[in-house]
Amino acid sequence: MFLCLMLCVTQLPACGRKQTRTVPVRTYVPADLLTTCPGWTGPRPETIGGFIDAAAAEKRGRLCNATKIETIARIVGPQ
């Protein structure tokens, strides 16, 4: 009886609809979006003004990188 049940279960997928084949779509991401934006690259700040300049440069670099990541996400789409 168990053998008969196993044979029926193995033949069950053959009764379903045909499987569709999915083909991945290649998306083009521009090369400039794959490079990182530099943050602070100068020497270690010693003054308050230097720290402000370094913090502003880091913020610009991080915002630039975040914008690039968002743009790549829009190009690639949901996965």
N, C-alpha and C. Protein backbone atom coordinates (compact mmCIF):
# COMPACT_ATOMS: atom_id res chain seq x y z
N MET A 1 0.82 -1.19 0.00
CA MET A 1 0.00 0.00 0.00
C MET A 1 0.87 1.26 0.00
N PHE A 2 1.93 1.22 0.81
CA PHE A 2 2.82 2.37 0.88
C PHE A 2 3.48 2.64 -0.47
N LEU A 3 3.86 1.58 -1.17
CA LEU A 3 4.48 1.72 -2.48
C LEU A 3 3.52 2.37 -3.47
N CYS A 4 2.27 1.97 -3.43
CA CYS A 4 1.26 2.55 -4.32
C CYS A 4 1.09 4.04 -4.02
N LEU A 5 1.08 4.40 -2.75
CA LEU A 5 0.95 5.80 -2.35
C LEU A 5 2.15 6.61 -2.84
N MET A 6 3.33 6.05 -2.72
CA MET A 6 4.54 6.76 -3.17
C MET A 6 4.53 6.96 -4.68
N LEU A 7 4.06 5.98 -5.43
CA LEU A 7 3.98 6.13 -6.88
C LEU A 7 2.99 7.23 -7.26
N CYS A 8 1.88 7.30 -6.56
CA CYS A 8 0.88 8.33 -6.86
C CYS A 8 1.43 9.72 -6.54
N VAL A 9 2.13 9.84 -5.45
CA VAL A 9 2.68 11.14 -5.05
C VAL A 9 3.75 11.60 -6.02
N THR A 10 4.56 10.70 -6.52
CA THR A 10 5.62 11.10 -7.45
C THR A 10 5.07 11.49 -8.81
N GLN A 11 3.90 10.97 -9.18
CA GLN A 11 3.30 11.31 -10.47
C GLN A 11 2.44 12.56 -10.42
N LEU A 12 2.13 13.04 -9.24
CA LEU A 12 1.26 14.20 -9.08
C LEU A 12 1.79 15.47 -9.74
N PRO A 13 3.07 15.80 -9.65
CA PRO A 13 3.56 17.03 -10.31
C PRO A 13 3.41 17.00 -11.83
N ALA A 14 3.34 15.84 -12.43
CA ALA A 14 3.19 15.75 -13.88
C ALA A 14 1.81 16.23 -14.33
N CYS A 15 0.86 16.30 -13.44
CA CYS A 15 -0.49 16.72 -13.80
C CYS A 15 -0.65 18.24 -13.80
N GLY A 16 0.29 18.95 -13.27
CA GLY A 16 0.17 20.40 -13.15
C GLY A 16 0.45 21.12 -14.46
N ARG A 17 0.40 22.43 -14.39
CA ARG A 17 0.66 23.23 -15.59
C ARG A 17 2.15 23.23 -15.91
N LYS A 18 2.47 23.60 -17.12
CA LYS A 18 3.87 23.62 -17.54
C LYS A 18 4.63 24.73 -16.81
N GLN A 19 5.84 24.44 -16.48
CA GLN A 19 6.68 25.43 -15.81
C GLN A 19 7.16 26.46 -16.81
N THR A 20 7.10 27.72 -16.44
CA THR A 20 7.61 28.77 -17.31
C THR A 20 9.07 29.01 -17.00
N ARG A 21 9.80 29.35 -18.00
CA ARG A 21 11.23 29.60 -17.84
C ARG A 21 11.44 31.10 -17.73
N THR A 22 12.09 31.53 -16.68
CA THR A 22 12.36 32.95 -16.51
C THR A 22 13.76 33.26 -17.02
N VAL A 23 13.86 34.36 -17.72
CA VAL A 23 15.14 34.80 -18.26
C VAL A 23 15.52 36.08 -17.54
N PRO A 24 16.69 36.12 -16.88
CA PRO A 24 17.08 37.34 -16.19
C PRO A 24 17.35 38.47 -17.18
N VAL A 25 16.93 39.65 -16.80
CA VAL A 25 17.14 40.83 -17.64
C VAL A 25 18.38 41.55 -17.14
N ARG A 26 19.27 41.83 -18.05
CA ARG A 26 20.48 42.56 -17.67
C ARG A 26 20.18 44.05 -17.67
N THR A 27 20.56 44.69 -16.59
CA THR A 27 20.36 46.13 -16.49
C THR A 27 21.71 46.83 -16.58
N TYR A 28 21.70 48.00 -17.16
CA TYR A 28 22.92 48.77 -17.33
C TYR A 28 23.02 49.79 -16.20
N VAL A 29 24.10 49.72 -15.44
CA VAL A 29 24.38 50.70 -14.40
C VAL A 29 25.61 51.48 -14.85
N PRO A 30 25.50 52.80 -15.00
CA PRO A 30 26.65 53.60 -15.44
C PRO A 30 27.84 53.45 -14.50
N ALA A 31 29.03 53.51 -15.07
CA ALA A 31 30.25 53.30 -14.29
C ALA A 31 30.45 54.37 -13.22
N ASP A 32 30.00 55.60 -13.48
CA ASP A 32 30.22 56.64 -12.47
C ASP A 32 29.39 56.40 -11.21
N LEU A 33 28.35 55.59 -11.29
CA LEU A 33 27.57 55.27 -10.10
C LEU A 33 28.25 54.20 -9.25
N LEU A 34 29.22 53.51 -9.82
CA LEU A 34 29.91 52.44 -9.09
C LEU A 34 31.17 52.92 -8.38
N THR A 35 31.51 54.19 -8.52
CA THR A 35 32.67 54.74 -7.83
C THR A 35 32.20 55.44 -6.56
N THR A 36 33.07 55.48 -5.57
CA THR A 36 32.70 56.13 -4.31
C THR A 36 33.07 57.60 -4.33
N CYS A 37 32.32 58.37 -3.56
CA CYS A 37 32.63 59.79 -3.41
C CYS A 37 33.56 59.94 -2.21
N PRO A 38 34.61 60.72 -2.34
CA PRO A 38 35.54 60.85 -1.22
C PRO A 38 34.94 61.71 -0.11
N GLY A 39 35.31 61.40 1.09
CA GLY A 39 34.95 62.23 2.23
C GLY A 39 36.13 63.15 2.54
N TRP A 40 36.47 63.28 3.80
CA TRP A 40 37.61 64.10 4.20
C TRP A 40 38.89 63.36 3.89
N THR A 41 39.76 63.97 3.10
CA THR A 41 41.02 63.33 2.73
C THR A 41 42.23 64.11 3.22
N GLY A 42 41.99 65.17 3.93
CA GLY A 42 43.09 66.00 4.41
C GLY A 42 43.72 65.46 5.67
N PRO A 43 44.65 66.22 6.24
CA PRO A 43 45.29 65.79 7.49
C PRO A 43 44.31 65.88 8.66
N ARG A 44 44.72 65.34 9.78
CA ARG A 44 43.87 65.36 10.97
C ARG A 44 43.64 66.81 11.40
N PRO A 45 42.38 67.21 11.58
CA PRO A 45 42.10 68.59 11.95
C PRO A 45 42.61 68.91 13.36
N GLU A 46 43.16 70.10 13.51
CA GLU A 46 43.69 70.53 14.80
C GLU A 46 42.87 71.67 15.40
N THR A 47 42.09 72.37 14.58
CA THR A 47 41.32 73.51 15.07
C THR A 47 39.83 73.24 14.89
N ILE A 48 39.03 74.10 15.51
CA ILE A 48 37.58 73.98 15.37
C ILE A 48 37.18 74.16 13.90
N GLY A 49 37.79 75.11 13.23
CA GLY A 49 37.49 75.33 11.81
C GLY A 49 37.85 74.12 10.97
N GLY A 50 38.96 73.47 11.32
CA GLY A 50 39.36 72.26 10.60
C GLY A 50 38.37 71.12 10.81
N PHE A 51 37.87 71.00 12.06
CA PHE A 51 36.86 69.98 12.33
C PHE A 51 35.57 70.25 11.57
N ILE A 52 35.19 71.52 11.47
CA ILE A 52 33.98 71.87 10.73
C ILE A 52 34.15 71.54 9.25
N ASP A 53 35.32 71.86 8.70
CA ASP A 53 35.58 71.54 7.30
C ASP A 53 35.57 70.02 7.07
N ALA A 54 36.19 69.28 8.00
CA ALA A 54 36.23 67.82 7.86
C ALA A 54 34.83 67.22 7.96
N ALA A 55 34.03 67.73 8.89
CA ALA A 55 32.67 67.21 9.05
C ALA A 55 31.82 67.52 7.82
N ALA A 56 31.98 68.72 7.26
CA ALA A 56 31.22 69.08 6.06
C ALA A 56 31.63 68.21 4.88
N ALA A 57 32.93 67.95 4.74
CA ALA A 57 33.41 67.10 3.65
C ALA A 57 32.89 65.67 3.81
N GLU A 58 32.89 65.16 5.03
CA GLU A 58 32.36 63.81 5.27
C GLU A 58 30.87 63.75 4.94
N LYS A 59 30.13 64.78 5.33
CA LYS A 59 28.69 64.80 5.04
C LYS A 59 28.44 64.82 3.54
N ARG A 60 29.20 65.64 2.82
CA ARG A 60 29.04 65.69 1.36
C ARG A 60 29.33 64.33 0.73
N GLY A 61 30.40 63.68 1.18
CA GLY A 61 30.75 62.37 0.64
C GLY A 61 29.69 61.32 0.93
N ARG A 62 29.17 61.31 2.15
CA ARG A 62 28.15 60.32 2.52
C ARG A 62 26.84 60.56 1.78
N LEU A 63 26.44 61.83 1.63
CA LEU A 63 25.23 62.14 0.89
C LEU A 63 25.37 61.76 -0.59
N CYS A 64 26.55 62.00 -1.14
CA CYS A 64 26.81 61.63 -2.53
C CYS A 64 26.70 60.11 -2.70
N ASN A 65 27.30 59.35 -1.78
CA ASN A 65 27.23 57.89 -1.86
C ASN A 65 25.81 57.38 -1.67
N ALA A 66 25.06 57.99 -0.75
CA ALA A 66 23.67 57.57 -0.53
C ALA A 66 22.83 57.84 -1.77
N THR A 67 23.07 58.96 -2.43
CA THR A 67 22.33 59.28 -3.65
C THR A 67 22.64 58.26 -4.75
N LYS A 68 23.91 57.86 -4.85
CA LYS A 68 24.29 56.87 -5.85
C LYS A 68 23.62 55.53 -5.58
N ILE A 69 23.56 55.14 -4.31
CA ILE A 69 22.93 53.87 -3.95
C ILE A 69 21.44 53.90 -4.28
N GLU A 70 20.78 55.02 -3.98
CA GLU A 70 19.36 55.15 -4.31
C GLU A 70 19.13 55.09 -5.81
N THR A 71 20.01 55.71 -6.58
CA THR A 71 19.87 55.69 -8.04
C THR A 71 20.06 54.27 -8.58
N ILE A 72 21.04 53.55 -8.06
CA ILE A 72 21.26 52.17 -8.49
C ILE A 72 20.04 51.31 -8.12
N ALA A 73 19.47 51.55 -6.95
CA ALA A 73 18.28 50.78 -6.54
C ALA A 73 17.11 51.05 -7.48
N ARG A 74 16.96 52.29 -7.95
CA ARG A 74 15.88 52.60 -8.90
C ARG A 74 16.13 51.93 -10.25
N ILE A 75 17.40 51.88 -10.67
CA ILE A 75 17.73 51.26 -11.96
C ILE A 75 17.49 49.75 -11.90
N VAL A 76 17.97 49.11 -10.85
CA VAL A 76 17.88 47.66 -10.74
C VAL A 76 16.45 47.23 -10.42
N GLY A 77 15.76 47.98 -9.60
CA GLY A 77 14.39 47.64 -9.23
C GLY A 77 14.35 46.65 -8.09
N PRO A 78 13.14 46.31 -7.64
CA PRO A 78 13.01 45.37 -6.52
C PRO A 78 13.45 43.97 -6.92
N GLN A 79 14.07 43.29 -6.00
CA GLN A 79 14.55 41.94 -6.26
C GLN A 79 13.73 40.94 -5.51
